[in-house]
C-alpha cells in the first residue's frame, strides 16, 4: 500500500469490482480501497449498479487507512461535497439552536450540495 494516501485526501481511481456491500476502487497499480454502499451517495442505495459500473473513473475521499491490514475506506459522497460549503454551526446565544430552527437551514444546505 502506497504511503501517499492519507486520511482526508481526494483522489481519482477506477472501479475494479462491485459487491452487494460496496465497490472496490483502484487508486494506482498497487493500492485499492472499498467504497462502502453507505458512502456511494446521500440517501438509500438499493443497487450499487444504479450508480457505478466496473471501469468507471471516480473521485473518492480517503476516510481511513489501515496499513497493518492493508485496508482503505473510501467515500464517493464525501468527495462530492463542495469545499467551503461545509461549516461548523454557530451556537445561538443561549445554547445550540433547536431542531426546528435548524431544519430550514439543513434543507437549504442539502439542496446546495446536490
Protein backbone atom coordinates (compact mmCIF):
# COMPACT_ATOMS: atom_id res chain seq x y z
CA UNK A 1 0.00 0.00 0.00
CA UNK A 2 1.38 3.36 -1.03
CA UNK A 3 2.24 5.91 1.67
CA UNK A 4 0.92 8.79 -0.44
CA UNK A 5 -2.71 8.12 0.54
CA UNK A 6 -3.67 9.69 3.85
CA UNK A 7 -6.98 10.33 5.53
CA UNK A 8 -8.80 13.29 4.03
CA UNK A 9 -7.21 13.42 0.58
CA UNK A 10 -9.41 13.34 -2.53
CA UNK A 11 -8.02 11.19 -5.35
CA UNK A 12 -9.10 9.65 -8.65
CA UNK A 13 -9.46 5.94 -9.12
CA UNK A 14 -11.09 3.24 -11.21
CA UNK A 15 -13.87 0.87 -10.11
CA UNK A 16 -12.44 -2.66 -10.29
CA UNK A 17 -15.20 -4.67 -8.66
CA UNK A 18 -18.70 -4.39 -7.24
CA UNK A 19 -20.26 -6.40 -4.44
CA UNK A 20 -23.61 -6.01 -2.63
CA UNK A 21 -21.85 -4.17 0.22
CA UNK A 22 -19.70 -1.77 -1.82
CA UNK A 23 -17.34 -1.06 -4.70
CA UNK A 24 -13.61 -1.66 -4.91
CA UNK A 25 -11.63 1.23 -6.37
CA UNK A 26 -8.01 1.01 -7.57
CA UNK A 27 -6.10 4.21 -6.86
CA UNK A 28 -2.91 3.03 -8.55
CA UNK A 29 -1.28 -0.26 -9.61
CA UNK A 30 -0.78 -1.47 -6.02
CA UNK A 31 -3.41 0.37 -3.96
CA UNK A 32 -7.13 -0.16 -3.79
CA UNK A 33 -9.85 0.60 -1.28
CA UNK A 34 -13.52 -0.02 -0.63
CA UNK A 35 -16.37 2.43 -1.03
CA UNK A 36 -19.00 1.01 1.33
CA UNK A 37 -22.57 1.14 0.00
CA UNK A 38 -23.39 3.82 2.60
CA UNK A 39 -20.65 6.05 1.09
CA UNK A 40 -21.93 5.93 -2.52
CA UNK A 41 -24.38 8.83 -2.24
CA UNK A 42 -26.73 10.51 0.20
CA UNK A 43 -29.91 8.55 0.65
CA UNK A 44 -30.76 4.89 0.22
CA UNK A 45 -28.85 2.80 -2.30
CA UNK A 46 -30.74 -0.36 -3.23
CA UNK A 47 -28.40 -1.45 -6.02
CA UNK A 48 -24.87 -0.13 -6.43
CA UNK A 49 -25.10 -0.90 -10.15
CA UNK A 50 -27.55 2.02 -10.43
CA UNK A 51 -24.61 4.33 -9.59
CA UNK A 52 -21.40 2.57 -10.65
CA UNK A 53 -20.05 0.00 -13.06
CA UNK A 54 -16.67 -1.70 -13.35
CA UNK A 55 -14.29 0.56 -15.25
CA UNK A 56 -15.83 3.85 -14.11
CA UNK A 57 -13.35 6.61 -13.28
CA UNK A 58 -14.36 8.14 -9.95
CA UNK A 59 -13.17 10.75 -7.48
CA UNK A 60 -13.10 9.48 -3.89
CA UNK A 61 -12.11 10.80 -0.49
CA UNK A 62 -9.93 8.64 1.76
CA UNK A 63 -11.83 8.11 5.02
CA UNK A 64 -9.33 5.82 6.73
CA UNK A 65 -6.15 3.89 6.05
CA UNK A 66 -5.16 0.78 7.98
CA UNK A 67 -1.62 -0.06 6.93
CA UNK A 68 -1.46 -3.10 9.23
CA UNK A 69 -4.14 -5.00 7.34
CA UNK A 70 -3.80 -3.09 4.04
CA UNK A 71 -7.38 -1.80 4.01
CA UNK A 72 -8.56 1.62 2.95
CA UNK A 73 -12.06 3.10 3.33
CA UNK A 74 -13.16 5.48 0.59
CA UNK A 75 -16.18 7.73 0.02
CA UNK A 76 -17.81 8.99 -3.17
CA UNK A 77 -20.29 11.22 -1.38
CA UNK A 78 -17.63 12.92 0.77
CA UNK A 79 -15.59 13.67 -2.36
CA UNK A 80 -18.61 15.36 -3.93
CA UNK A 81 -19.10 17.80 -1.07
CA UNK A 82 -18.13 21.25 -2.18
CA UNK A 83 -15.13 22.72 -0.42
CA UNK A 84 -16.14 25.75 1.59
CA UNK A 85 -19.78 24.66 1.83
CA UNK A 86 -19.24 22.59 4.96
CA UNK A 87 -19.25 24.76 8.04
CA UNK A 88 -19.44 24.40 11.77
CA UNK A 89 -22.80 25.56 13.12
CA UNK A 90 -22.74 28.71 15.20
CA UNK A 91 -24.49 28.16 18.53
CA UNK A 92 -27.13 30.70 19.49
CA UNK A 93 -26.56 32.97 22.47
CA UNK A 94 -28.49 30.65 24.79
CA UNK A 95 -27.03 27.37 23.58
CA UNK A 96 -27.44 25.32 20.41
CA UNK A 97 -30.28 26.14 18.07
CA UNK A 98 -33.31 23.95 18.40
CA UNK A 99 -34.06 21.33 15.78
CA UNK A 100 -36.98 23.38 14.47
CA UNK A 101 -34.73 26.41 13.92
CA UNK A 102 -32.07 24.34 12.15
CA UNK A 103 -34.40 22.33 9.89
CA UNK A 104 -34.84 25.07 7.28
CA UNK A 105 -31.09 25.70 7.19
CA UNK A 106 -30.31 21.99 6.75
CA UNK A 107 -32.80 21.67 3.90
CA UNK A 108 -31.24 24.67 2.13
CA UNK A 109 -27.73 23.26 2.62
CA UNK A 110 -28.71 19.84 1.27
CA UNK A 111 -30.12 21.44 -1.89
CA UNK A 112 -26.91 23.42 -2.44
CA UNK A 113 -24.66 20.34 -2.23
CA UNK A 114 -26.65 18.20 -4.69
